[in-house]
Amino acid sequence: MRALITGSLAMLLLLRSSMAPDDASYSLTVEVKGLRNSTGEVQFTLYNKDGSIPDEHFAKYYKLLKAGIINGSSTVRFENIPQGRYAVNILHDENKNGKIDKGFMLPVEGIGFSNYASIGLRNRPNFSKAGFDLNSDRTIEMKVIYM
């Protein structure tokens, strides 16, 4: 019986030590400041696949969180995120309808993408440019862009 218990413990230790570090999960905190008002909420959308952004109708995301606004700032924390490459999109959803409202083809609410300080015809969002590696707990600050 003692040999069986010792063997089982040894097998558990062996299995545990052979787990790849890729099985680890992390947290990602996303902060946004400089919102033009504290009306509505901020929608934070996390993506994990090439070709997933732009995603105008929010159909290709990995995780989505919403947060209130205090003094023109908003923050969320994504938990239990596997190691990998990610991109974040934000929407200052002033009317809380969950979509990007547009005027003449341009958003009338604030939007933003990780690694982007501006958006234009020559600087269109894509996953490879907005992407970043997550291999530890991380905090990123994003810029909201009003067109």
C-alpha atoms as a PDB file:
ATOM      1  CA  MET A   1       0.000   0.000   0.000  1.00  0.00           C
ATOM      2  CA  ARG A   2       2.827   2.399   0.901  1.00  0.00           C
ATOM      3  CA  ALA A   3       4.493   1.734  -2.481  1.00  0.00           C
ATOM      4  CA  LEU A   4       1.202   2.540  -4.261  1.00  0.00           C
ATOM      5  CA  ILE A   5       0.846   5.868  -2.422  1.00  0.00           C
ATOM      6  CA  THR A   6       4.499   6.760  -2.997  1.00  0.00           C
ATOM      7  CA  GLY A   7       4.186   5.871  -6.685  1.00  0.00           C
ATOM      8  CA  SER A   8       1.000   7.947  -7.022  1.00  0.00           C
ATOM      9  CA  LEU A   9       2.620  10.956  -5.382  1.00  0.00           C
ATOM     10  CA  ALA A  10       5.661  10.647  -7.618  1.00  0.00           C
ATOM     11  CA  MET A  11       3.401  10.489 -10.697  1.00  0.00           C
ATOM     12  CA  LEU A  12       1.490  13.604  -9.587  1.00  0.00           C
ATOM     13  CA  LEU A  13       4.711  15.520  -9.009  1.00  0.00           C
ATOM     14  CA  LEU A  14       6.028  14.438 -12.398  1.00  0.00           C
ATOM     15  CA  LEU A  15       2.826  15.519 -14.154  1.00  0.00           C
ATOM     16  CA  ARG A  16       2.758  18.843 -12.340  1.00  0.00           C
ATOM     17  CA  SER A  17       6.397  19.626 -13.138  1.00  0.00           C
ATOM     18  CA  SER A  18       5.937  18.759 -16.805  1.00  0.00           C
ATOM     19  CA  MET A  19       3.076  21.233 -17.303  1.00  0.00           C
ATOM     20  CA  ALA A  20       4.114  23.832 -19.843  1.00  0.00           C
ATOM     21  CA  PRO A  21       4.319  27.465 -18.749  1.00  0.00           C
ATOM     22  CA  ASP A  22       1.780  28.133 -21.533  1.00  0.00           C
ATOM     23  CA  ASP A  23      -0.852  26.819 -19.098  1.00  0.00           C
ATOM     24  CA  ALA A  24      -0.340  29.916 -16.956  1.00  0.00           C
ATOM     25  CA  SER A  25      -2.910  32.671 -16.968  1.00  0.00           C
ATOM     26  CA  TYR A  26      -2.505  36.367 -16.347  1.00  0.00           C
ATOM     27  CA  SER A  27      -4.477  39.518 -15.743  1.00  0.00           C
ATOM     28  CA  LEU A  28      -4.643  42.481 -18.082  1.00  0.00           C
ATOM     29  CA  THR A  29      -5.635  45.865 -16.688  1.00  0.00           C
ATOM     30  CA  VAL A  30      -6.734  48.446 -19.257  1.00  0.00           C
ATOM     31  CA  GLU A  31      -6.949  52.117 -18.318  1.00  0.00           C
ATOM     32  CA  VAL A  32      -8.436  54.921 -20.365  1.00  0.00           C
ATOM     33  CA  LYS A  33      -8.200  58.617 -19.434  1.00  0.00           C
ATOM     34  CA  GLY A  34      -9.231  61.790 -21.187  1.00  0.00           C
ATOM     35  CA  LEU A  35     -12.812  60.823 -21.977  1.00  0.00           C
ATOM     36  CA  ARG A  36     -14.696  63.953 -23.041  1.00  0.00           C
ATOM     37  CA  ASN A  37     -17.390  63.399 -20.400  1.00  0.00           C
ATOM     38  CA  SER A  38     -18.561  60.876 -17.817  1.00  0.00           C
ATOM     39  CA  THR A  39     -21.739  60.007 -19.713  1.00  0.00           C
ATOM     40  CA  GLY A  40     -22.455  56.353 -20.497  1.00  0.00           C
ATOM     41  CA  GLU A  41     -19.821  53.659 -20.122  1.00  0.00           C
ATOM     42  CA  VAL A  42     -16.667  52.346 -21.745  1.00  0.00           C
ATOM     43  CA  GLN A  43     -16.757  49.033 -23.554  1.00  0.00           C
ATOM     44  CA  PHE A  44     -13.418  47.202 -23.501  1.00  0.00           C
ATOM     45  CA  THR A  45     -13.095  44.443 -26.093  1.00  0.00           C
ATOM     46  CA  LEU A  46     -10.206  41.961 -26.034  1.00  0.00           C
ATOM     47  CA  TYR A  47      -9.153  40.142 -29.219  1.00  0.00           C
ATOM     48  CA  ASN A  48      -6.823  37.162 -29.639  1.00  0.00           C
ATOM     49  CA  LYS A  49      -6.791  36.364 -33.380  1.00  0.00           C
ATOM     50  CA  ASP A  50      -5.203  37.907 -36.428  1.00  0.00           C
ATOM     51  CA  GLY A  51      -7.852  39.427 -38.689  1.00  0.00           C
ATOM     52  CA  SER A  52     -10.283  40.005 -35.813  1.00  0.00           C
ATOM     53  CA  ILE A  53     -10.065  43.804 -35.925  1.00  0.00           C
ATOM     54  CA  PRO A  54     -11.518  46.065 -37.026  1.00  0.00           C
ATOM     55  CA  ASP A  55     -14.723  44.492 -35.680  1.00  0.00           C
ATOM     56  CA  GLU A  56     -17.436  47.104 -36.160  1.00  0.00           C
ATOM     57  CA  HIS A  57     -20.272  44.834 -34.959  1.00  0.00           C
ATOM     58  CA  PHE A  58     -18.340  43.206 -32.079  1.00  0.00           C
ATOM     59  CA  ALA A  59     -18.673  39.667 -33.455  1.00  0.00           C
ATOM     60  CA  LYS A  60     -15.061  38.429 -33.309  1.00  0.00           C
ATOM     61  CA  TYR A  61     -13.930  39.289 -29.797  1.00  0.00           C
ATOM     62  CA  TYR A  62     -12.420  36.990 -27.164  1.00  0.00           C
ATOM     63  CA  LYS A  63     -13.745  38.830 -24.079  1.00  0.00           C
ATOM     64  CA  LEU A  64     -15.789  41.963 -23.526  1.00  0.00           C
ATOM     65  CA  LEU A  65     -16.166  44.043 -20.346  1.00  0.00           C
ATOM     66  CA  LYS A  66     -17.988  47.302 -19.643  1.00  0.00           C
ATOM     67  CA  ALA A  67     -17.172  49.853 -16.951  1.00  0.00           C
ATOM     68  CA  GLY A  68     -18.485  53.142 -15.672  1.00  0.00           C
ATOM     69  CA  ILE A  69     -16.692  56.451 -16.011  1.00  0.00           C
ATOM     70  CA  ILE A  70     -15.430  58.553 -13.119  1.00  0.00           C
ATOM     71  CA  ASN A  71     -13.898  61.974 -13.772  1.00  0.00           C
ATOM     72  CA  GLY A  72     -13.250  61.158 -17.432  1.00  0.00           C
ATOM     73  CA  SER A  73     -11.472  57.859 -16.713  1.00  0.00           C
ATOM     74  CA  SER A  74     -12.377  54.175 -16.799  1.00  0.00           C
ATOM     75  CA  THR A  75     -10.526  50.949 -15.952  1.00  0.00           C
ATOM     76  CA  VAL A  76     -11.195  47.218 -16.284  1.00  0.00           C
ATOM     77  CA  ARG A  77      -9.248  44.093 -15.439  1.00  0.00           C
ATOM     78  CA  PHE A  78      -9.438  40.969 -17.611  1.00  0.00           C
ATOM     79  CA  GLU A  79      -8.679  37.908 -15.463  1.00  0.00           C
ATOM     80  CA  ASN A  80      -7.422  34.385 -16.285  1.00  0.00           C
ATOM     81  CA  ILE A  81      -6.070  35.267 -19.720  1.00  0.00           C
ATOM     82  CA  PRO A  82      -3.767  32.624 -21.245  1.00  0.00           C
ATOM     83  CA  GLN A  83      -0.342  33.652 -22.475  1.00  0.00           C
ATOM     84  CA  GLY A  84      -0.540  34.884 -26.060  1.00  0.00           C
ATOM     85  CA  ARG A  85      -0.940  37.826 -28.406  1.00  0.00           C
ATOM     86  CA  TYR A  86      -3.850  40.209 -27.827  1.00  0.00           C
ATOM     87  CA  ALA A  87      -5.292  43.543 -28.956  1.00  0.00           C
ATOM     88  CA  VAL A  88      -7.812  45.801 -27.228  1.00  0.00           C
ATOM     89  CA  ASN A  89     -10.541  48.021 -28.692  1.00  0.00           C
ATOM     90  CA  ILE A  90     -12.376  50.599 -26.600  1.00  0.00           C
ATOM     91  CA  LEU A  91     -15.666  52.387 -27.227  1.00  0.00           C
ATOM     92  CA  HIS A  92     -16.887  55.371 -25.211  1.00  0.00           C
ATOM     93  CA  ASP A  93     -20.504  54.236 -25.456  1.00  0.00           C
ATOM     94  CA  GLU A  94     -22.208  57.430 -24.379  1.00  0.00           C
ATOM     95  CA  ASN A  95     -25.749  56.118 -24.961  1.00  0.00           C
ATOM     96  CA  LYS A  96     -25.034  52.568 -23.712  1.00  0.00           C
ATOM     97  CA  ASN A  97     -26.393  50.864 -26.831  1.00  0.00           C
ATOM     98  CA  GLY A  98     -23.345  48.607 -27.343  1.00  0.00           C
ATOM     99  CA  LYS A  99     -22.589  49.772 -30.876  1.00  0.00           C
ATOM    100  CA  ILE A 100     -20.434  52.314 -32.658  1.00  0.00           C
ATOM    101  CA  ASP A 101     -22.786  55.172 -33.538  1.00  0.00           C
ATOM    102  CA  LYS A 102     -21.803  57.035 -36.682  1.00  0.00           C
ATOM    103  CA  GLY A 103     -22.442  60.408 -38.231  1.00  0.00           C
ATOM    104  CA  PHE A 104     -21.261  60.803 -41.820  1.00  0.00           C
ATOM    105  CA  MET A 105     -19.405  57.442 -41.956  1.00  0.00           C
ATOM    106  CA  LEU A 106     -17.300  58.390 -38.919  1.00  0.00           C
ATOM    107  CA  PRO A 107     -17.876  57.400 -35.287  1.00  0.00           C
ATOM    108  CA  VAL A 108     -19.565  60.090 -33.177  1.00  0.00           C
ATOM    109  CA  GLU A 109     -18.457  58.368 -29.961  1.00  0.00           C
ATOM    110  CA  GLY A 110     -14.877  57.867 -28.873  1.00  0.00           C
ATOM    111  CA  ILE A 111     -12.994  54.746 -29.978  1.00  0.00           C
ATOM    112  CA  GLY A 112      -9.464  53.464 -29.548  1.00  0.00           C
ATOM    113  CA  PHE A 113      -7.136  50.549 -30.200  1.00  0.00           C
ATOM    114  CA  SER A 114      -4.108  49.355 -28.277  1.00  0.00           C
ATOM    115  CA  ASN A 115      -0.884  50.819 -29.727  1.00  0.00           C
ATOM    116  CA  TYR A 116      -2.793  53.544 -31.613  1.00  0.00           C
ATOM    117  CA  ALA A 117      -2.612  57.256 -30.844  1.00  0.00           C
ATOM    118  CA  SER A 118      -4.594  58.233 -33.953  1.00  0.00           C
ATOM    119  CA  ILE A 119      -6.676  56.626 -36.675  1.00  0.00           C
ATOM    120  CA  GLY A 120      -6.954  57.719 -40.300  1.00  0.00           C
ATOM    121  CA  LEU A 121      -7.053  56.502 -43.882  1.00  0.00           C
ATOM    122  CA  ARG A 122      -3.330  55.740 -43.741  1.00  0.00           C
ATOM    123  CA  ASN A 123      -3.440  54.442 -40.176  1.00  0.00           C
ATOM    124  CA  ARG A 124      -6.306  51.954 -40.146  1.00  0.00           C
ATOM    125  CA  PRO A 125      -6.528  49.539 -37.216  1.00  0.00           C
ATOM    126  CA  ASN A 126      -5.430  45.931 -37.637  1.00  0.00           C
ATOM    127  CA  PHE A 127      -4.552  43.145 -35.231  1.00  0.00           C
ATOM    128  CA  SER A 128      -0.858  42.927 -36.044  1.00  0.00           C
ATOM    129  CA  LYS A 129      -0.303  46.631 -35.347  1.00  0.00           C
ATOM    130  CA  ALA A 130      -2.605  46.772 -32.298  1.00  0.00           C
ATOM    131  CA  GLY A 131      -1.321  43.481 -30.894  1.00  0.00           C
ATOM    132  CA  PHE A 132       0.912  42.960 -27.884  1.00  0.00           C
ATOM    133  CA  ASP A 133       2.267  39.898 -26.091  1.00  0.00           C
ATOM    134  CA  LEU A 134       0.825  38.917 -22.731  1.00  0.00           C
ATOM    135  CA  ASN A 135       3.227  36.731 -20.757  1.00  0.00           C
ATOM    136  CA  SER A 136       2.849  38.299 -17.295  1.00  0.00           C
ATOM    137  CA  ASP A 137       0.302  40.433 -15.469  1.00  0.00           C
ATOM    138  CA  ARG A 138       0.185  43.698 -17.358  1.00  0.00           C
ATOM    139  CA  THR A 139      -1.379  47.172 -17.346  1.00  0.00           C
ATOM    140  CA  ILE A 140      -1.849  49.199 -20.524  1.00  0.00           C
ATOM    141  CA  GLU A 141      -3.106  52.742 -20.939  1.00  0.00           C
ATOM    142  CA  MET A 142      -5.141  53.515 -24.038  1.00  0.00           C
ATOM    143  CA  LYS A 143      -5.996  56.733 -25.801  1.00  0.00           C
ATOM    144  CA  VAL A 144      -9.596  57.466 -26.743  1.00  0.00           C
ATOM    145  CA  ILE A 145      -9.985  59.116 -30.159  1.00  0.00           C
ATOM    146  CA  TYR A 146     -12.890  61.376 -31.055  1.00  0.00           C
ATOM    147  CA  MET A 147     -13.318  62.069 -34.767  1.00  0.00           C
END
